[in-house]
Each structure stands twice: as structure tokens, then as C-alpha cells.
């Protein structure tokens, strides 16, 4: 009897030790694991580790597209089987095989703000893997409620859909031009003109939407080669007549080019006139692409300062001449335009400055944010983008009344890329660029107005404008400070950014949203500009 009891105890100990040995060695493969593949590696390189954390030893290196079998999840880590290995991988660098098969390779997103957090999971409490700057494009993996999973430089993570725009890109039929006999190509090119009232679809199919927004209701589909009457344009959108309906299509998917019925006899003069305008590249490493889309193939990487003749315009893109027989496309927000003859005429005819007026001065007013980019939201619900443009409109009235030429970077509730705002400043050779904003912080007791500059040549303008403001508004004066903002950093012109008060402070929000405050603030900015330009005459 005693022998049987001992045997039973030993058997139990042996079974328990086997169980502990199994759990303490996760890199061993067990026969009872389901062999069905559940996950796919969605990063260029992914380490399979002995445990659920970055501190555990690496068992092997996995590569993009390799298939894994899911076992269990622990926080942000997956326990998986791969060939003869078993270990742990970071969940944010994988995607389910089912979802991976449903990935839409023709969908991309473009960040509309700087420092957009790329997170491990679709939650604001999830770890930040990377950050995207405004204008950066990434491939869409999947969508989930208000979040989009993207692949950004090999890192797969989630971004808030509120701060990105979605491009439903379809490839343009690249084989069609080759069907035209070579000897006829020059004739076709010369017979093409730009007609702003006619829009031709250049992709297989594109959705027609009720409003100029990718989330708006679809009312139809336009197909390759179809021509539509243009009713209106809004930023990158074109309103067209679609049967008895009116709808919007994205301008990147078509062209305003039409073929002339009666081609002009003087072929050379027509071609030559299109080279009167030249673009100058603003940023090093600018992409010149094979077609007018950020998803198209890069033809050339251009450096800052390089100049290219303009052949044609398609929406927000310029077709430029690279060599005698090669053209490419560049976005208009990364270049400035020089007009060889007209530019000089403008300089000659520009009114001379007169003390006490702003005649002869070109000022670009930049109402911050817009469209999907709301900016900050006050404790009482004030949206920064709305109050920015109201302030900008008041300021514009005062400056124009004083004789200044004023250009607004946006005149309605639309999103404008930050680099495009800078490009507008460069294109108009602005004597001053004023970016209007309202501030916010987690500490609701902080208050006051601040004027920012980045480059040393911008500091005098910032001081004059700030002094003008300080004499007209009663908020706390936070002074003139350097600020590393893109619209200042990348701006070759005299540029400043003004934060006109804190919407996160309840009492200050009540003040700055009043008509009286906006009137006084814009009067102060106007007076500061007047003093600055008058001082230059001395």
C-alpha cells in the first residue's frame, strides 16, 4: 500500500514538472498548437523574442509578409508559432491574415498636421511608435471607427482619422499613350489647351460625391475619358454637372486640358509662350513625379533653387520641362513661381511706399488650421479654425483700406497644407507673412498673447507688431519669442506667428471671442505693421 502511494506521488510530481518546464520554455513548439495561420508580419523587420517584452532575447528575425500562428495575447504582445520556433512578437507590427487580404493597396492617407502620433493600438492611451509631419503620405492597412491603421516607413500603427485626409487612388492607364503613333504626339500636344470650364476624367473610375469631402455621400461614378462641365472649384475639388445632379470629384483624378478643334498654324510660338513661367524648387529633395499625384512614381529628386519651365497646370500640380523630351509633375506648394517678363513689370509698377500708408506693401495673412484641422477647442466650445478666419478677415479689411495688397492663404473653412501656405508667401514675394492663431494648454490658468519668429530677419517685424498689440489689448503680455513653426522656419519672407490668447482659459476665452477684442487686436496688428514699414523708410 505504501509503495502504491509513493508511486502515485512521484507520478504527480513528474506531471507537474513537465507542465512547469513547458511554460518556462516558450521557444519550444508543441504538437497541440493549431497549425492554421492567423497573423502576417507587417514590418520590414520583426524580432521573435523569448518573452513578451523588448528586454527578452531574440530567437530569430522575421520579415514582411511572413505568416505566424497566434497562440495568445499579453498586453501589446502576441504569443505565436513560426516554423520550428515559438515566441513573442510586438502586436503593432503584425496584422491579421484576413484583414491583410482585405488591405486596399490603392488607399493612402496624408497627414494634415505636424507631429501626428502613430500609435500601437487604436486608442489615445496606446504607446506612440512614431510621428508624422503635415503632408506625409502613408499606405492604409485598415480602418476601425475613428482610427486608420497605416504602414509608415515599415512601421504599422494607428492614427486618428480626424487629422488625415484619405486618397482613394486609382492608377491612371499608363498604356494608353503608347497606342498613339509616335509621329502624331507633337501635334496632339500643341493642340491641347487648358479650359477651366471642362474637366476630363483620367482614371478608370472615380466617385462623385455630394460634398467636397471624401466622407461625403457618393452620388455616382465618373469613368475614364468622360468630360464634365465645371460649375465650381473648392481647393482640390471640382464641382461638375452629372446628369441632372451636381457633385464633386477630386481634381487629381482628371484634367482641364482639352484639344482645340482648329489648331493654330504657328506651332512654335504657342509652345514658346508656355515657357514664360518658371518654377523654383523651395526644398531639397523635392519629388518630381511621373503624374500629378503624390502616389505616382518619382521621376527626379530636385534640389532647392533649381528652376524648371512650366509646360501646363493640372489642379494643384505643375507639369515642368526636365529635358528637351521629358516632363514631370511637381506640387505647387513646394515651389515658387517666377514670371520672366511679368515679374519685372510688377516690380516696376509697384507703388512707392508712402509714410502713414501701406501702399506698395504685399502682406500674406494666414488664418491657421481649417477644414478637418480644427486646431484647439476652447472650454466653452470655440473652435480655433473659426475664430482665426474671423480675425484674419477683420485684419484684411484694415490693411487693404490702408493701401496694402493682401493675400489670404485660405478664405473659407478648408484645409491648406502648411508648405502650401509658405509657398503662397514665396510666390507673392510677401513683405510680411502673418499667421493668426489662438493658444491652448492643459493648465487652464495660463493666459496671454505671444508673438513668435524663427529666423533673425523676422525678429524686428515681430517686435513692432507685438508692441502694437500690447497697446490695444489688455491680456497678459507674454512677449516676443522664437518659435520653431514650419510656416516660420521654411519661410524666406518676413514671417511671424501670433497667438492671440488662450482658449483653454475660460475667462480669457470669453474675452477673445468677443467682437470688441478682435477689433482691438487687429487694430494693434495693423498699427504695428504701419510702424514697422514707416521705420523702414527712415
Protein backbone atom coordinates (compact mmCIF):
# COMPACT_ATOMS: atom_id res chain seq x y z
CA UNK A 1 0.00 0.00 0.00
CA UNK A 2 2.81 2.39 0.96
CA UNK A 3 4.58 1.53 -2.32
CA UNK A 4 1.46 2.47 -4.33
CA UNK A 5 1.15 5.82 -2.52
CA UNK A 6 4.82 6.67 -3.25
CA UNK A 7 4.35 5.74 -6.90
CA UNK A 8 1.26 7.99 -7.14
CA UNK A 9 3.10 10.95 -5.55
CA UNK A 10 6.12 10.56 -7.89
CA UNK A 11 3.82 10.42 -10.91
CA UNK A 12 2.13 13.66 -9.81
CA UNK A 13 5.46 15.41 -9.28
CA UNK A 14 6.62 14.30 -12.73
CA UNK A 15 3.46 15.66 -14.40
CA UNK A 16 3.75 18.99 -12.59
CA UNK A 17 7.42 19.39 -13.52
CA UNK A 18 6.58 18.71 -17.18
CA UNK A 19 3.90 21.39 -17.03
CA UNK A 20 6.31 23.93 -15.47
CA UNK A 21 9.03 23.05 -17.97
CA UNK A 22 6.62 23.67 -20.81
CA UNK A 23 5.54 27.11 -19.58
CA UNK A 24 9.12 28.19 -18.80
CA UNK A 25 10.35 27.44 -22.35
CA UNK A 26 8.18 29.39 -24.77
CA UNK A 27 10.55 28.81 -27.68
CA UNK A 28 9.58 25.14 -27.90
CA UNK A 29 6.85 24.03 -30.31
CA UNK A 30 4.05 21.85 -29.02
CA UNK A 31 2.12 19.31 -31.03
CA UNK A 32 -1.27 20.52 -29.84
CA UNK A 33 -0.93 24.05 -31.30
CA UNK A 34 -3.35 24.83 -34.09
CA UNK A 35 -1.39 24.95 -37.36
CA UNK A 36 -3.72 27.47 -39.03
CA UNK A 37 -2.05 30.77 -39.91
CA UNK A 38 -3.66 33.81 -38.22
CA UNK A 39 -1.15 36.68 -38.48
CA UNK A 40 1.12 38.28 -41.06
CA UNK A 41 4.28 40.30 -40.34
CA UNK A 42 3.62 43.89 -41.47
CA UNK A 43 7.08 45.42 -40.93
CA UNK A 44 10.34 45.17 -42.86
CA UNK A 45 11.96 43.51 -39.82
CA UNK A 46 10.33 41.96 -36.75
CA UNK A 47 12.11 40.16 -33.89
CA UNK A 48 10.65 36.95 -32.43
CA UNK A 49 11.55 37.09 -28.72
CA UNK A 50 11.57 34.59 -25.85
CA UNK A 51 9.08 36.66 -23.83
CA UNK A 52 6.55 39.50 -24.13
CA UNK A 53 8.88 42.49 -23.97
CA UNK A 54 11.80 44.24 -25.66
CA UNK A 55 14.20 43.04 -22.94
CA UNK A 56 13.80 39.35 -23.84
CA UNK A 57 16.44 37.61 -26.03
CA UNK A 58 15.79 37.38 -29.79
CA UNK A 59 15.07 33.91 -31.14
CA UNK A 60 15.02 34.83 -34.84
CA UNK A 61 14.30 37.71 -37.23
CA UNK A 62 11.07 37.79 -39.23
CA UNK A 63 10.45 39.78 -42.41
CA UNK A 64 7.48 41.49 -44.05
CA UNK A 65 4.75 39.09 -45.21
CA UNK A 66 5.83 36.02 -43.24
CA UNK A 67 2.93 34.11 -41.69
CA UNK A 68 2.51 33.36 -37.97
CA UNK A 69 0.15 31.21 -35.91
CA UNK A 70 -1.46 33.02 -32.99
CA UNK A 71 -1.48 31.33 -29.55
CA UNK A 72 -2.34 34.04 -27.01
CA UNK A 73 -2.13 37.78 -26.28
CA UNK A 74 -0.47 39.51 -23.32
CA UNK A 75 -0.86 43.31 -23.28
CA UNK A 76 0.67 44.58 -26.56
CA UNK A 77 2.43 41.30 -27.37
CA UNK A 78 1.35 38.17 -29.25
CA UNK A 79 2.49 34.65 -28.40
CA UNK A 80 3.00 32.99 -31.82
CA UNK A 81 4.37 29.97 -33.63
CA UNK A 82 6.70 30.37 -36.64
CA UNK A 83 8.15 27.24 -38.34
CA UNK A 84 10.18 25.49 -35.60
CA UNK A 85 10.09 28.48 -33.26
CA UNK A 86 7.64 29.69 -30.67
CA UNK A 87 7.95 33.09 -29.07
CA UNK A 88 6.55 36.61 -28.75
CA UNK A 89 6.18 39.48 -31.22
CA UNK A 90 5.03 43.09 -30.89
CA UNK A 91 1.34 43.14 -31.86
CA UNK A 92 1.59 46.54 -33.55
CA UNK A 93 3.98 45.13 -36.17
CA UNK A 94 1.55 42.43 -37.32
CA UNK A 95 -1.87 42.30 -38.94
CA UNK A 96 -4.43 39.53 -39.19
CA UNK A 97 -4.22 37.46 -42.36
CA UNK A 98 -7.91 38.06 -43.04
CA UNK A 99 -7.51 41.82 -42.73
CA UNK A 100 -4.26 41.73 -44.64
CA UNK A 101 -6.04 40.14 -47.57
CA UNK A 102 -8.63 42.91 -47.39
CA UNK A 103 -5.99 45.66 -47.44
CA UNK A 104 -6.70 48.22 -50.10
CA UNK A 105 -3.30 49.00 -51.71
CA UNK A 106 -4.80 51.90 -53.62
CA UNK A 107 -5.76 53.78 -50.45
CA UNK A 108 -3.40 56.23 -48.81
CA UNK A 109 -3.71 58.88 -46.13
CA UNK A 110 -1.99 62.27 -45.93
CA UNK A 111 -1.28 63.81 -42.53
CA UNK A 112 -2.87 67.23 -42.19
CA UNK A 113 -0.95 68.28 -39.09
CA UNK A 114 2.61 68.20 -37.77
CA UNK A 115 3.59 65.68 -35.06
CA UNK A 116 0.65 63.33 -35.65
CA UNK A 117 1.08 60.37 -33.28
CA UNK A 118 1.34 56.89 -34.80
CA UNK A 119 0.10 54.57 -32.04
CA UNK A 120 0.38 50.85 -31.37
CA UNK A 121 -3.37 50.42 -30.90
CA UNK A 122 -6.44 52.50 -31.90
CA UNK A 123 -6.52 54.39 -28.59
CA UNK A 124 -5.07 57.69 -27.33
CA UNK A 125 -3.64 55.81 -24.33
CA UNK A 126 -1.67 53.39 -26.53
CA UNK A 127 2.14 53.75 -26.91
CA UNK A 128 3.42 56.18 -29.57
CA UNK A 129 5.54 54.40 -32.19
CA UNK A 130 6.40 57.39 -34.39
CA UNK A 131 5.17 60.81 -35.50
CA UNK A 132 4.10 62.09 -38.93
CA UNK A 133 4.52 65.64 -40.13
CA UNK A 134 1.99 67.50 -42.28
CA UNK A 135 1.99 66.35 -45.89
CA UNK A 136 3.44 62.90 -45.16
CA UNK A 137 1.69 60.10 -47.07
CA UNK A 138 1.29 56.51 -45.88
CA UNK A 139 -0.40 53.30 -47.06
CA UNK A 140 -3.73 52.33 -45.46
CA UNK A 141 -3.95 48.87 -43.90
CA UNK A 142 -7.46 49.05 -42.45
CA UNK A 143 -9.99 51.37 -40.81
CA UNK A 144 -11.70 51.00 -37.43
CA UNK A 145 -14.20 53.59 -36.20
CA UNK A 146 -12.30 56.91 -35.90
CA UNK A 147 -8.89 55.29 -36.45
CA UNK A 148 -6.86 54.27 -39.51
CA UNK A 149 -4.13 51.64 -39.42
CA UNK A 150 -1.27 52.63 -41.74
CA UNK A 151 2.13 51.41 -42.85
CA UNK A 152 4.57 54.30 -42.42
CA UNK A 153 8.18 53.57 -43.42
CA UNK A 154 7.79 49.92 -42.39
CA UNK A 155 6.09 50.73 -39.07
CA UNK A 156 2.46 49.70 -38.81
CA UNK A 157 0.33 51.65 -36.37
CA UNK A 158 -2.85 53.67 -35.88
CA UNK A 159 -3.61 57.36 -36.47
CA UNK A 160 -6.74 59.34 -35.76
CA UNK A 161 -8.86 59.75 -38.90
CA UNK A 162 -9.69 63.31 -37.80
CA UNK A 163 -6.18 64.50 -38.71
CA UNK A 164 -5.65 62.78 -42.06
CA UNK A 165 -7.22 63.02 -45.49
CA UNK A 166 -7.97 59.82 -47.40
CA UNK A 167 -6.98 59.36 -51.03
CA UNK A 168 -8.83 56.63 -52.92
CA UNK A 169 -6.19 56.43 -55.62
CA UNK A 170 -6.74 54.55 -58.85
CA UNK A 171 -3.88 54.05 -61.27
CA UNK A 172 -4.06 56.06 -64.48
CA UNK A 173 -4.00 53.87 -67.58
CA UNK A 174 -0.33 54.11 -68.47
CA UNK A 175 -0.60 52.06 -71.62
CA UNK A 176 -2.99 54.39 -73.44
CA UNK A 177 -0.46 56.98 -74.65
CA UNK A 178 1.58 54.24 -76.38
CA UNK A 179 -1.41 53.48 -78.59
CA UNK A 180 -0.95 56.87 -80.29
CA UNK A 181 1.56 56.72 -83.18
CA UNK A 182 4.82 58.46 -82.28
CA UNK A 183 4.75 60.87 -85.19
CA UNK A 184 1.38 62.27 -84.02
CA UNK A 185 2.40 63.01 -80.42
CA UNK A 186 3.85 66.51 -81.02
CA UNK A 187 0.74 67.56 -82.98
CA UNK A 188 -1.56 66.40 -80.14
CA UNK A 189 0.47 68.25 -77.54
CA UNK A 190 0.35 71.52 -79.46
CA UNK A 191 -3.42 71.27 -79.93
CA UNK A 192 -4.06 70.95 -76.20
CA UNK A 193 -5.22 73.99 -74.20
CA UNK A 194 -6.42 74.49 -70.62
CA UNK A 195 -10.18 75.03 -70.32
CA UNK A 196 -11.23 75.75 -66.70
CA UNK A 197 -14.86 75.03 -67.64
CA UNK A 198 -14.24 71.44 -68.80
CA UNK A 199 -12.97 68.54 -66.68
CA UNK A 200 -11.92 65.18 -68.19
CA UNK A 201 -11.58 62.03 -66.04
CA UNK A 202 -8.14 60.36 -66.38
CA UNK A 203 -8.57 57.30 -64.15
CA UNK A 204 -10.57 54.09 -64.57
CA UNK A 205 -13.27 55.27 -62.18
CA UNK A 206 -13.70 57.94 -59.52
CA UNK A 207 -16.54 58.53 -57.07
CA UNK A 208 -18.71 61.62 -57.47
CA UNK A 209 -19.66 62.93 -54.04
CA UNK A 210 -22.40 65.21 -52.75
CA UNK A 211 -19.92 67.48 -50.95
CA UNK A 212 -16.17 68.20 -51.41
CA UNK A 213 -15.23 65.65 -48.77
CA UNK A 214 -14.07 62.03 -49.04
CA UNK A 215 -16.51 61.04 -46.30
CA UNK A 216 -19.46 62.60 -48.14
CA UNK A 217 -22.24 60.52 -49.76
CA UNK A 218 -21.47 59.03 -53.20
CA UNK A 219 -23.97 60.04 -55.87
CA UNK A 220 -22.33 58.35 -58.86
CA UNK A 221 -19.16 57.19 -60.60
CA UNK A 222 -17.26 59.01 -63.36
CA UNK A 223 -15.22 56.92 -65.79
CA UNK A 224 -12.07 57.37 -67.83
CA UNK A 225 -12.41 59.79 -70.76
CA UNK A 226 -15.74 61.28 -69.67
CA UNK A 227 -15.94 65.08 -69.87
CA UNK A 228 -17.97 67.23 -67.49
CA UNK A 229 -18.93 70.87 -67.23
CA UNK A 230 -17.17 72.59 -64.32
CA UNK A 231 -19.55 74.51 -62.05
CA UNK A 232 -17.25 75.44 -59.20
CA UNK A 233 -13.84 74.69 -57.65
CA UNK A 234 -13.02 74.31 -53.97
CA UNK A 235 -9.36 73.75 -53.13
CA UNK A 236 -8.55 70.29 -54.63
CA UNK A 237 -12.18 69.55 -55.55
CA UNK A 238 -14.16 70.21 -58.73
CA UNK A 239 -17.95 70.57 -58.81
CA UNK A 240 -19.39 69.06 -62.01
CA UNK A 241 -22.74 68.62 -63.70
CA UNK A 242 -23.54 64.89 -63.51
CA UNK A 243 -26.73 64.32 -65.48
CA UNK A 244 -29.43 66.20 -63.60
CA UNK A 245 -27.32 66.17 -60.43
CA UNK A 246 -24.39 68.25 -59.24
CA UNK A 247 -21.46 66.57 -57.47
CA UNK A 248 -17.79 66.84 -56.53
CA UNK A 249 -14.71 64.92 -57.72
CA UNK A 250 -11.10 65.16 -56.58
CA UNK A 251 -9.11 67.21 -59.11
CA UNK A 252 -6.11 64.82 -59.02
CA UNK A 253 -8.17 62.29 -60.99
CA UNK A 254 -8.74 64.42 -64.06
CA UNK A 255 -7.54 67.26 -66.22
CA UNK A 256 -8.70 70.63 -67.52
CA UNK A 257 -6.85 70.01 -70.79
CA UNK A 258 -8.92 69.92 -73.97
CA UNK A 259 -7.94 69.52 -77.59
CA UNK A 260 -8.52 72.50 -79.88
CA UNK A 261 -10.78 71.90 -82.85
CA UNK A 262 -8.85 74.34 -85.05
CA UNK A 263 -5.16 74.10 -84.20
CA UNK A 264 -3.17 77.30 -84.64
CA UNK A 265 -0.85 77.46 -87.62
CA UNK A 266 2.06 78.99 -85.69
CA UNK A 267 3.09 75.93 -83.73
CA UNK A 268 6.40 77.19 -82.34
CA UNK A 269 5.03 80.43 -80.87
CA UNK A 270 2.33 78.55 -78.94
CA UNK A 271 4.86 76.24 -77.38
CA UNK A 272 7.25 79.02 -76.55
CA UNK A 273 4.63 81.08 -74.71
CA UNK A 274 4.07 78.27 -72.21
CA UNK A 275 7.66 78.65 -71.02
CA UNK A 276 7.20 82.24 -69.87
CA UNK A 277 6.67 80.93 -66.33
CA UNK A 278 9.36 79.13 -64.36
CA UNK A 279 9.09 77.31 -61.02
CA UNK A 280 11.85 77.45 -58.44
CA UNK A 281 12.20 74.49 -56.08
CA UNK A 282 11.93 75.56 -52.43
CA UNK A 283 13.03 72.38 -50.59
CA UNK A 284 15.95 69.99 -51.04
CA UNK A 285 14.87 66.51 -52.12
CA UNK A 286 11.58 67.68 -53.70
CA UNK A 287 9.90 64.90 -55.70
CA UNK A 288 9.13 65.49 -59.37
CA UNK A 289 6.64 62.78 -60.33
CA UNK A 290 5.52 60.98 -63.48
CA UNK A 291 1.86 62.02 -62.99
CA UNK A 292 0.04 64.65 -60.87
CA UNK A 293 -0.40 62.52 -57.74
CA UNK A 294 1.61 62.01 -54.55
CA UNK A 295 1.25 58.25 -55.05
CA UNK A 296 2.83 58.24 -58.53
CA UNK A 297 6.41 57.22 -59.30
CA UNK A 298 9.21 59.73 -58.61
CA UNK A 299 10.96 60.79 -61.83
CA UNK A 300 13.57 63.17 -60.37
CA UNK A 301 14.68 64.41 -56.94
CA UNK A 302 15.21 68.18 -57.23
CA UNK A 303 17.28 70.46 -55.01
CA UNK A 304 16.34 73.86 -53.57
CA UNK A 305 16.98 76.67 -56.03
CA UNK A 306 16.66 74.59 -59.20
CA UNK A 307 14.41 76.13 -61.87
CA UNK A 308 12.13 74.38 -64.38
CA UNK A 309 9.90 75.86 -67.14
CA UNK A 310 6.15 75.29 -66.70
CA UNK A 311 4.51 73.34 -69.53
CA UNK A 312 0.96 73.11 -68.11
CA UNK A 313 -1.12 73.18 -64.93
CA UNK A 314 -3.27 70.33 -63.58
CA UNK A 315 -5.15 71.19 -60.42
CA UNK A 316 -2.53 71.83 -57.72
CA UNK A 317 0.26 70.47 -59.90
CA UNK A 318 2.64 71.97 -62.46
CA UNK A 319 3.91 69.95 -65.41
CA UNK A 320 7.51 71.10 -65.87
CA UNK A 321 10.17 70.53 -68.54
CA UNK A 322 13.10 68.45 -67.26
CA UNK A 323 14.90 67.78 -70.55
CA UNK A 324 14.08 68.53 -74.20
CA UNK A 325 11.80 65.49 -74.42
CA UNK A 326 10.90 64.79 -70.78
CA UNK A 327 8.39 66.39 -68.42
CA UNK A 328 7.38 65.69 -64.83
CA UNK A 329 4.89 66.99 -62.25
CA UNK A 330 5.55 68.98 -59.09
CA UNK A 331 3.06 70.12 -56.41
CA UNK A 332 2.52 73.88 -56.41
CA UNK A 333 3.01 74.13 -52.63
CA UNK A 334 6.70 73.13 -52.82
CA UNK A 335 7.73 75.68 -55.46
CA UNK A 336 7.66 79.40 -56.11
CA UNK A 337 6.78 80.86 -59.49
CA UNK A 338 8.93 83.32 -61.44
CA UNK A 339 7.43 85.04 -64.47
CA UNK A 340 10.29 86.24 -66.60
CA UNK A 341 8.66 89.29 -68.14
CA UNK A 342 5.60 89.97 -65.98
CA UNK A 343 7.57 89.69 -62.73
CA UNK A 344 9.76 92.62 -63.76
CA UNK A 345 6.73 94.65 -64.85
CA UNK A 346 5.12 94.14 -61.43
CA UNK A 347 8.28 95.31 -59.69
CA UNK A 348 8.47 98.42 -61.86
CA UNK A 349 4.78 99.33 -61.47
CA UNK A 350 4.63 98.63 -57.72
CA UNK A 351 3.52 101.75 -55.89
CA UNK A 352 6.15 103.60 -53.91
CA UNK A 353 5.83 103.46 -50.15
CA UNK A 354 4.29 106.50 -48.50
CA UNK A 355 4.59 107.20 -44.79
CA UNK A 356 1.36 106.60 -42.91
CA UNK A 357 0.02 104.15 -45.51
CA UNK A 358 0.75 100.60 -46.63
CA UNK A 359 0.72 101.37 -50.37
CA UNK A 360 3.24 99.23 -52.21
CA UNK A 361 3.31 96.57 -49.44
CA UNK A 362 2.29 92.94 -50.05
CA UNK A 363 1.04 91.11 -46.95
CA UNK A 364 0.01 87.45 -46.72
CA UNK A 365 -2.46 86.72 -43.91
CA UNK A 366 -2.55 83.08 -42.80
CA UNK A 367 -5.64 82.06 -40.77
CA UNK A 368 -4.31 78.95 -39.01
CA UNK A 369 -5.87 75.47 -39.38
CA UNK A 370 -9.11 74.88 -41.36
CA UNK A 371 -11.17 72.01 -42.73
CA UNK A 372 -10.53 68.77 -40.83
CA UNK A 373 -7.78 70.53 -38.88
CA UNK A 374 -9.86 72.28 -36.20
CA UNK A 375 -6.90 73.49 -34.17
CA UNK A 376 -7.62 73.77 -30.48
CA UNK A 377 -11.12 73.80 -28.98
CA UNK A 378 -11.96 76.11 -26.09
CA UNK A 379 -13.55 75.04 -22.83
CA UNK A 380 -16.73 76.79 -24.00
CA UNK A 381 -16.63 75.00 -27.37
CA UNK A 382 -14.91 77.66 -29.51
CA UNK A 383 -13.11 76.09 -32.48
CA UNK A 384 -9.83 77.82 -33.22
CA UNK A 385 -10.12 77.50 -37.02
CA UNK A 386 -13.33 79.61 -36.98
CA UNK A 387 -12.06 82.42 -34.78
CA UNK A 388 -8.78 82.52 -36.75
CA UNK A 389 -10.52 83.33 -40.02
CA UNK A 390 -12.85 85.90 -38.40
CA UNK A 391 -9.79 87.71 -37.05
CA UNK A 392 -7.99 87.44 -40.39
CA UNK A 393 -10.95 88.96 -42.25
CA UNK A 394 -11.06 91.98 -39.90
CA UNK A 395 -7.30 92.49 -40.26
CA UNK A 396 -7.53 92.21 -44.05
CA UNK A 397 -10.12 94.99 -44.21
CA UNK A 398 -7.86 97.37 -42.26
CA UNK A 399 -4.75 96.57 -44.31
CA UNK A 400 -6.49 96.94 -47.67
CA UNK A 401 -8.04 100.22 -46.57
CA UNK A 402 -4.50 101.46 -45.94
CA UNK A 403 -3.42 100.52 -49.48
CA UNK A 404 -1.74 97.13 -48.88
CA UNK A 405 -2.07 94.23 -51.29
CA UNK A 406 -3.41 91.41 -49.07
CA UNK A 407 -3.47 87.69 -49.92
CA UNK A 408 -5.18 85.15 -47.63
CA UNK A 409 -3.88 81.56 -47.52
CA UNK A 410 -7.49 80.45 -47.04
CA UNK A 411 -10.77 82.35 -47.34
CA UNK A 412 -13.13 79.61 -46.15
CA UNK A 413 -13.21 76.52 -43.94
CA UNK A 414 -10.78 74.40 -45.98
CA UNK A 415 -7.59 72.54 -45.14
CA UNK A 416 -4.42 74.09 -46.59
CA UNK A 417 -1.11 72.25 -46.36
CA UNK A 418 1.48 74.10 -44.25
CA UNK A 419 4.04 74.03 -47.05
CA UNK A 420 1.47 75.45 -49.44
CA UNK A 421 0.95 78.36 -47.05
CA UNK A 422 4.69 79.04 -47.19
CA UNK A 423 4.62 78.67 -50.97
CA UNK A 424 1.95 81.39 -51.21
CA UNK A 425 4.25 83.66 -49.22
CA UNK A 426 7.11 82.95 -51.63
CA UNK A 427 5.01 83.21 -54.80
CA UNK A 428 3.78 86.70 -53.89
CA UNK A 429 7.18 87.80 -52.52
CA UNK A 430 5.40 88.86 -49.35
CA UNK A 431 6.80 91.84 -47.46
CA UNK A 432 5.15 90.34 -44.37
CA UNK A 433 3.53 86.96 -43.59
CA UNK A 434 1.22 86.99 -40.54
CA UNK A 435 -0.08 83.66 -39.20
CA UNK A 436 -3.11 84.09 -36.90
CA UNK A 437 -3.73 81.61 -34.06
CA UNK A 438 -5.25 81.21 -30.59
CA UNK A 439 -3.49 79.14 -27.93
CA UNK A 440 -4.33 76.31 -25.51
CA UNK A 441 -2.68 74.34 -22.73
CA UNK A 442 -3.66 71.77 -20.10
CA UNK A 443 -3.27 74.40 -17.36
CA UNK A 444 -6.45 76.49 -17.59
CA UNK A 445 -4.93 79.29 -15.50
CA UNK A 446 -2.36 80.26 -18.18
CA UNK A 447 -3.27 83.33 -20.19
CA UNK A 448 -1.88 86.00 -22.50
CA UNK A 449 -0.78 86.74 -26.08
CA UNK A 450 2.55 85.85 -27.69
CA UNK A 451 4.30 86.75 -30.95
CA UNK A 452 6.71 84.21 -32.46
CA UNK A 453 9.50 84.45 -35.02
CA UNK A 454 12.07 81.86 -36.13
CA UNK A 455 14.80 83.48 -38.21
CA UNK A 456 16.74 86.56 -37.09
CA UNK A 457 15.49 88.65 -40.02
CA UNK A 458 11.91 88.09 -38.77
CA UNK A 459 12.55 89.43 -35.26
CA UNK A 460 12.15 93.20 -35.95
CA UNK A 461 8.73 92.66 -37.56
CA UNK A 462 7.69 90.51 -34.57
CA UNK A 463 8.71 93.27 -32.12
CA UNK A 464 6.87 96.05 -33.93
CA UNK A 465 3.65 94.03 -34.32
CA UNK A 466 3.79 92.84 -30.71
CA UNK A 467 4.24 96.40 -29.44
CA UNK A 468 1.21 97.49 -31.48
CA UNK A 469 -0.86 94.65 -29.98
CA UNK A 470 0.27 95.40 -26.42
CA UNK A 471 -1.10 98.95 -26.69
CA UNK A 472 -4.54 97.79 -27.77
CA UNK A 473 -5.36 94.60 -25.78
CA UNK A 474 -5.49 94.12 -22.02
CA UNK A 475 -4.39 90.47 -21.85
CA UNK A 476 -1.17 89.39 -20.18
CA UNK A 477 1.85 90.22 -22.39
CA UNK A 478 3.90 87.03 -22.87
CA UNK A 479 6.42 88.79 -25.07
CA UNK A 480 8.20 88.08 -28.35
CA UNK A 481 9.69 84.58 -28.53
CA UNK A 482 11.44 82.33 -31.05
CA UNK A 483 9.13 79.53 -32.24
CA UNK A 484 10.06 76.53 -34.37
CA UNK A 485 6.94 76.52 -36.56
CA UNK A 486 7.10 75.29 -40.16
CA UNK A 487 5.42 78.42 -41.56
CA UNK A 488 8.24 80.45 -39.97
CA UNK A 489 11.14 78.01 -40.28
CA UNK A 490 10.69 77.35 -44.01
CA UNK A 491 9.65 80.89 -44.90
CA UNK A 492 12.18 83.00 -46.78
CA UNK A 493 9.96 86.04 -46.33
CA UNK A 494 9.44 88.19 -43.24
CA UNK A 495 7.10 85.91 -41.27
CA UNK A 496 5.63 85.88 -37.76
CA UNK A 497 3.01 83.81 -35.90
CA UNK A 498 0.71 85.41 -33.33
CA UNK A 499 -1.12 83.54 -30.54
CA UNK A 500 -3.91 85.95 -29.56
CA UNK A 501 -4.94 84.39 -26.23
CA UNK A 502 -5.74 81.08 -24.55
CA UNK A 503 -9.00 79.31 -25.39
CA UNK A 504 -8.19 76.83 -22.63
CA UNK A 505 -8.67 79.62 -20.05
CA UNK A 506 -12.46 80.02 -19.51
CA UNK A 507 -12.39 83.73 -18.69
CA UNK A 508 -9.93 84.52 -21.48
CA UNK A 509 -11.96 82.53 -23.99
CA UNK A 510 -14.93 84.75 -23.14
CA UNK A 511 -12.81 87.84 -23.83
CA UNK A 512 -11.08 86.81 -27.06
CA UNK A 513 -14.29 85.57 -28.73
CA UNK A 514 -15.90 89.00 -28.43
CA UNK A 515 -16.17 91.38 -31.39
CA UNK A 516 -14.55 94.14 -29.31
CA UNK A 517 -11.41 92.09 -28.63
CA UNK A 518 -10.97 91.10 -32.29
CA UNK A 519 -11.42 94.73 -33.32
CA UNK A 520 -8.78 95.92 -30.87
CA UNK A 521 -6.36 93.07 -31.66
CA UNK A 522 -6.49 93.63 -35.42
CA UNK A 523 -6.12 97.38 -34.87
CA UNK A 524 -2.98 96.68 -32.83
CA UNK A 525 -1.52 94.37 -35.51
CA UNK A 526 -2.31 96.96 -38.21
CA UNK A 527 -0.63 99.75 -36.21
CA UNK A 528 2.42 97.56 -35.58
CA UNK A 529 2.75 96.82 -39.31
CA UNK A 530 2.37 100.51 -40.17
CA UNK A 531 5.09 101.49 -37.67
CA UNK A 532 7.40 98.78 -38.99
CA UNK A 533 7.13 99.82 -42.64
CA UNK A 534 7.28 103.54 -41.77
CA UNK A 535 10.51 102.88 -39.87
CA UNK A 536 11.97 101.24 -42.98
CA UNK A 537 11.51 104.48 -44.91
CA UNK A 538 13.84 106.22 -42.47
